[in-house]
């Protein structure tokens, strides 16, 4: 299902999607309540949610790659 053959993959009826951040955004947009409890409309609160969602991609993954890629692939 996932073109990269990795998890996560979401199947919602006939709709298939991969990538965890995109899946989270889709779930909130497609199935969130009118009150928007999951992804509030206040831009400051939404910014904090986005900050935490993108931390792994922008900070953690880079540090992990710097540490591990050189150890595993430059022997």
N, C-alpha and C. Protein backbone atom coordinates (compact mmCIF):
# COMPACT_ATOMS: atom_id res chain seq x y z
N UNK A 1 0.80 -1.20 0.00
CA UNK A 1 0.00 0.00 0.00
C UNK A 1 0.85 1.26 0.00
N UNK A 2 1.84 1.30 0.86
CA UNK A 2 2.72 2.47 0.94
C UNK A 2 3.78 2.34 -0.14
N UNK A 3 3.93 3.34 -1.01
CA UNK A 3 4.92 3.25 -2.08
C UNK A 3 6.35 3.02 -1.57
N UNK A 4 6.65 3.50 -0.37
CA UNK A 4 7.97 3.30 0.21
C UNK A 4 8.05 1.99 0.97
N UNK A 5 6.94 1.27 1.06
CA UNK A 5 6.84 -0.01 1.74
C UNK A 5 7.22 0.09 3.22
N UNK A 6 6.81 1.18 3.83
CA UNK A 6 7.08 1.43 5.24
C UNK A 6 5.78 1.73 5.96
N UNK A 7 5.83 1.75 7.26
CA UNK A 7 4.69 2.21 8.05
C UNK A 7 4.97 3.64 8.46
N UNK A 8 4.05 4.46 8.76
CA UNK A 8 2.63 4.17 8.84
C UNK A 8 1.95 4.34 7.48
N UNK A 9 0.87 3.63 7.34
CA UNK A 9 -0.02 3.76 6.19
C UNK A 9 -1.44 3.79 6.73
N UNK A 10 -2.23 4.71 6.23
CA UNK A 10 -3.62 4.84 6.64
C UNK A 10 -4.51 4.41 5.49
N UNK A 11 -5.52 3.62 5.79
CA UNK A 11 -6.54 3.27 4.81
C UNK A 11 -7.87 3.73 5.40
N UNK A 12 -8.51 4.65 4.72
CA UNK A 12 -9.80 5.19 5.14
C UNK A 12 -10.76 5.02 3.97
N UNK A 13 -11.47 3.91 3.97
CA UNK A 13 -12.31 3.58 2.82
C UNK A 13 -11.44 3.25 1.62
N UNK A 14 -11.62 3.98 0.54
CA UNK A 14 -10.78 3.75 -0.65
C UNK A 14 -9.60 4.71 -0.72
N UNK A 15 -9.39 5.48 0.34
CA UNK A 15 -8.30 6.46 0.39
C UNK A 15 -7.12 5.87 1.15
N UNK A 16 -5.95 5.86 0.53
CA UNK A 16 -4.74 5.33 1.16
C UNK A 16 -3.72 6.46 1.23
N UNK A 17 -3.09 6.60 2.39
CA UNK A 17 -2.14 7.69 2.59
C UNK A 17 -0.99 7.21 3.47
N UNK A 18 0.21 7.72 3.20
CA UNK A 18 1.37 7.43 4.04
C UNK A 18 1.93 8.74 4.58
N UNK A 19 2.92 8.64 5.43
CA UNK A 19 3.59 9.76 6.10
C UNK A 19 2.79 10.21 7.32
N UNK A 20 3.40 10.07 8.49
CA UNK A 20 2.69 10.27 9.75
C UNK A 20 2.13 11.67 9.92
N UNK A 21 2.85 12.70 9.54
CA UNK A 21 2.35 14.07 9.72
C UNK A 21 1.16 14.33 8.80
N UNK A 22 1.24 13.86 7.57
CA UNK A 22 0.14 14.03 6.63
C UNK A 22 -1.09 13.23 7.09
N UNK A 23 -0.86 12.06 7.65
CA UNK A 23 -1.96 11.25 8.18
C UNK A 23 -2.63 11.98 9.34
N UNK A 24 -1.85 12.54 10.24
CA UNK A 24 -2.42 13.28 11.38
C UNK A 24 -3.26 14.45 10.89
N UNK A 25 -2.75 15.22 9.94
CA UNK A 25 -3.50 16.35 9.40
C UNK A 25 -4.78 15.89 8.71
N UNK A 26 -4.69 14.81 7.95
CA UNK A 26 -5.88 14.29 7.27
C UNK A 26 -6.94 13.86 8.28
N UNK A 27 -6.54 13.13 9.31
CA UNK A 27 -7.51 12.65 10.30
C UNK A 27 -8.24 13.81 10.98
N UNK A 28 -7.49 14.85 11.32
CA UNK A 28 -8.12 16.01 11.96
C UNK A 28 -9.08 16.70 10.99
N UNK A 29 -8.64 16.89 9.73
CA UNK A 29 -9.48 17.57 8.76
C UNK A 29 -10.70 16.75 8.35
N UNK A 30 -10.54 15.45 8.22
CA UNK A 30 -11.63 14.60 7.75
C UNK A 30 -12.57 14.17 8.86
N UNK A 31 -12.06 13.98 10.06
CA UNK A 31 -12.87 13.38 11.11
C UNK A 31 -12.92 14.19 12.39
N UNK A 32 -12.30 15.36 12.41
CA UNK A 32 -12.32 16.21 13.59
C UNK A 32 -13.70 16.81 13.81
N UNK A 33 -13.95 17.21 15.01
CA UNK A 33 -15.25 17.79 15.33
C UNK A 33 -15.29 19.26 14.91
N UNK A 34 -16.48 19.80 14.93
CA UNK A 34 -16.65 21.22 14.62
C UNK A 34 -15.90 22.10 15.63
N UNK A 35 -15.75 21.61 16.86
CA UNK A 35 -15.09 22.39 17.90
C UNK A 35 -13.58 22.46 17.69
N UNK A 36 -13.05 21.60 16.85
CA UNK A 36 -11.62 21.55 16.57
C UNK A 36 -10.78 21.34 17.83
N UNK A 37 -11.21 20.39 18.68
CA UNK A 37 -10.46 20.07 19.88
C UNK A 37 -9.08 19.49 19.56
N UNK A 38 -8.98 18.76 18.45
CA UNK A 38 -7.71 18.12 18.11
C UNK A 38 -6.70 19.08 17.50
N UNK A 39 -7.20 20.06 16.75
CA UNK A 39 -6.31 21.00 16.06
C UNK A 39 -6.99 22.37 16.11
N UNK A 40 -6.81 23.08 17.21
CA UNK A 40 -7.54 24.33 17.45
C UNK A 40 -7.31 25.37 16.36
N UNK A 41 -8.22 26.31 16.26
CA UNK A 41 -8.09 27.37 15.26
C UNK A 41 -7.20 28.51 15.73
N UNK A 42 -6.95 28.60 17.02
CA UNK A 42 -6.06 29.66 17.53
C UNK A 42 -4.66 29.46 16.96
N UNK A 43 -4.11 30.46 16.26
CA UNK A 43 -2.82 30.27 15.59
C UNK A 43 -1.66 29.97 16.54
N UNK A 44 -1.68 30.48 17.75
CA UNK A 44 -0.58 30.22 18.69
C UNK A 44 -0.64 28.79 19.22
N UNK A 45 -1.83 28.31 19.53
CA UNK A 45 -1.96 26.93 19.99
C UNK A 45 -1.63 25.98 18.84
N UNK A 46 -2.11 26.29 17.64
CA UNK A 46 -1.83 25.45 16.48
C UNK A 46 -0.32 25.42 16.19
N UNK A 47 0.35 26.54 16.38
CA UNK A 47 1.80 26.60 16.16
C UNK A 47 2.54 25.67 17.11
N UNK A 48 2.09 25.58 18.36
CA UNK A 48 2.72 24.66 19.32
C UNK A 48 2.51 23.21 18.90
N UNK A 49 1.33 22.89 18.42
CA UNK A 49 1.07 21.54 17.94
C UNK A 49 1.98 21.23 16.75
N UNK A 50 2.05 22.16 15.80
CA UNK A 50 2.91 21.97 14.63
C UNK A 50 4.38 21.82 15.05
N UNK A 51 4.80 22.62 16.01
CA UNK A 51 6.19 22.55 16.49
C UNK A 51 6.52 21.15 16.99
N UNK A 52 5.63 20.58 17.73
CA UNK A 52 5.87 19.24 18.26
C UNK A 52 5.78 18.17 17.18
N UNK A 53 4.90 18.37 16.20
CA UNK A 53 4.80 17.39 15.12
C UNK A 53 6.05 17.40 14.25
N UNK A 54 6.65 18.56 14.06
CA UNK A 54 7.80 18.67 13.16
C UNK A 54 9.14 18.57 13.87
N UNK A 55 9.15 18.47 15.21
CA UNK A 55 10.39 18.34 15.95
C UNK A 55 11.20 17.14 15.47
N UNK A 56 10.54 16.02 15.35
CA UNK A 56 11.23 14.80 14.94
C UNK A 56 11.89 14.97 13.58
N UNK A 57 11.19 15.58 12.65
CA UNK A 57 11.71 15.72 11.30
C UNK A 57 12.87 16.71 11.25
N UNK A 58 12.73 17.83 11.93
CA UNK A 58 13.71 18.90 11.79
C UNK A 58 14.87 18.83 12.76
N UNK A 59 14.67 18.25 13.91
CA UNK A 59 15.71 18.25 14.94
C UNK A 59 16.19 16.85 15.26
N UNK A 60 15.28 16.01 15.70
CA UNK A 60 15.66 14.67 16.14
C UNK A 60 16.26 13.85 15.00
N UNK A 61 15.60 13.83 13.85
CA UNK A 61 16.08 13.01 12.75
C UNK A 61 17.46 13.45 12.28
N UNK A 62 17.69 14.75 12.21
CA UNK A 62 19.00 15.26 11.80
C UNK A 62 20.09 14.82 12.77
N UNK A 63 19.82 14.94 14.07
CA UNK A 63 20.80 14.51 15.07
C UNK A 63 21.03 13.00 14.99
N UNK A 64 19.98 12.24 14.80
CA UNK A 64 20.10 10.79 14.67
C UNK A 64 20.93 10.43 13.44
N UNK A 65 20.64 11.08 12.34
CA UNK A 65 21.37 10.81 11.10
C UNK A 65 22.85 11.16 11.25
N UNK A 66 23.14 12.30 11.84
CA UNK A 66 24.54 12.71 12.04
C UNK A 66 25.28 11.68 12.88
N UNK A 67 24.62 11.15 13.87
CA UNK A 67 25.24 10.19 14.77
C UNK A 67 25.40 8.81 14.13
N UNK A 68 24.34 8.33 13.53
CA UNK A 68 24.30 6.93 13.10
C UNK A 68 24.74 6.67 11.68
N UNK A 69 24.44 7.56 10.78
CA UNK A 69 24.76 7.31 9.37
C UNK A 69 26.26 7.14 9.19
N UNK A 70 27.02 7.98 9.81
CA UNK A 70 28.47 7.88 9.66
C UNK A 70 29.01 6.56 10.25
N UNK A 71 28.40 6.07 11.30
CA UNK A 71 28.86 4.83 11.92
C UNK A 71 28.52 3.61 11.07
N UNK A 72 27.37 3.63 10.44
CA UNK A 72 26.90 2.44 9.74
C UNK A 72 27.29 2.39 8.25
N UNK A 73 27.50 3.57 7.65
CA UNK A 73 27.67 3.57 6.21
C UNK A 73 29.02 4.08 5.71
N UNK A 74 29.92 4.38 6.60
CA UNK A 74 31.23 4.88 6.16
C UNK A 74 32.37 4.00 6.63
N UNK A 75 32.11 2.75 6.77
CA UNK A 75 33.15 1.82 7.22
C UNK A 75 34.03 1.41 6.07
